[in-house]
Amino acid sequence: MMKEIRIHGRAGQGAITTAILLVAAAFEDGKEALAFPHFGAERMGAPLNAYVRLSDAPILLRTQIQQPDYLIILDPTLLWGFNISQGYRKGGRIIINTTMDTSKLCVSAPDQVVSVPAAEIAQELLGRADRANTAILGAFAAATGEVTLESLQKVARQRFSGVVGEKNAQALQRAYDLVKQREEA
C-alpha cells in the first residue's frame, strides 16, 4: 500500500533535504520511494512543500500530494495562516517540530499529533535550531514505523560526512527515543 507524506517548511529549513533523506532511508529498507519539491522562486523563509511517496510496489503517480497519510511540519508558525492539514487522511500522524501543548495547535486532528522539540535538539547537537530536519525524521520513524532508525542514521552519515553526520545521527536517535518513550508511557 502506498503512503503519501507532505512536508511543510520554509525555504532554508531543509524540507527538500528531509524528503531526500526519507526516500534514501526507504530505499535502504527495501521500499520503493519518490520525493519531489513544490516551490517557485522562493526567497529564504518563504513557505514551501516537499512530497514523498513510499510503497512496496513501483510508484507511477507523479502528482502533488493532496491527501497525505502523514504530515511533517518543520515550522510550527505555518499552522497559523495556512490550512496545512487540508486533505489530511485521518488515521495517520502529524509530526510537528514544537514544544507547544498540542491541544493549542491549529490542526484538524489534534489526537494524531506527535510533537517533538526538533529545533531544540538541533540547537544542542548541531548548533543551529534551523536544522531540525534530521531530528523530525527520527520522530517520524518512531511514530509511523515507515522507515527504520538504522536506515535514517546510515543515510544521514552518508549525506553529512564526518562529525556533522554523526551529530545528525545523534539527533535522529534523540528524537526517536523521545517519541518512543512517550508512546510507551
Foldseek 3Di string as FASTA:
>chain_A
DKAKEKEKDWPPLCQQVLQVLVQQLLVVVQWHKDKDWDDDPDDGGHMTMIMMMIGRDHDDDDDDDQAGLEYEYEDQVCQPPHQRCGNYDPPHAYEYQDPDDLVPTNHPCSVRYDYFVLLVLCCVLVVGSSHSSLLSVLLVCLSHVSGHLVSSLVVLCVVDPDSRSVSSNVSSVVSNVVNNVVVVD
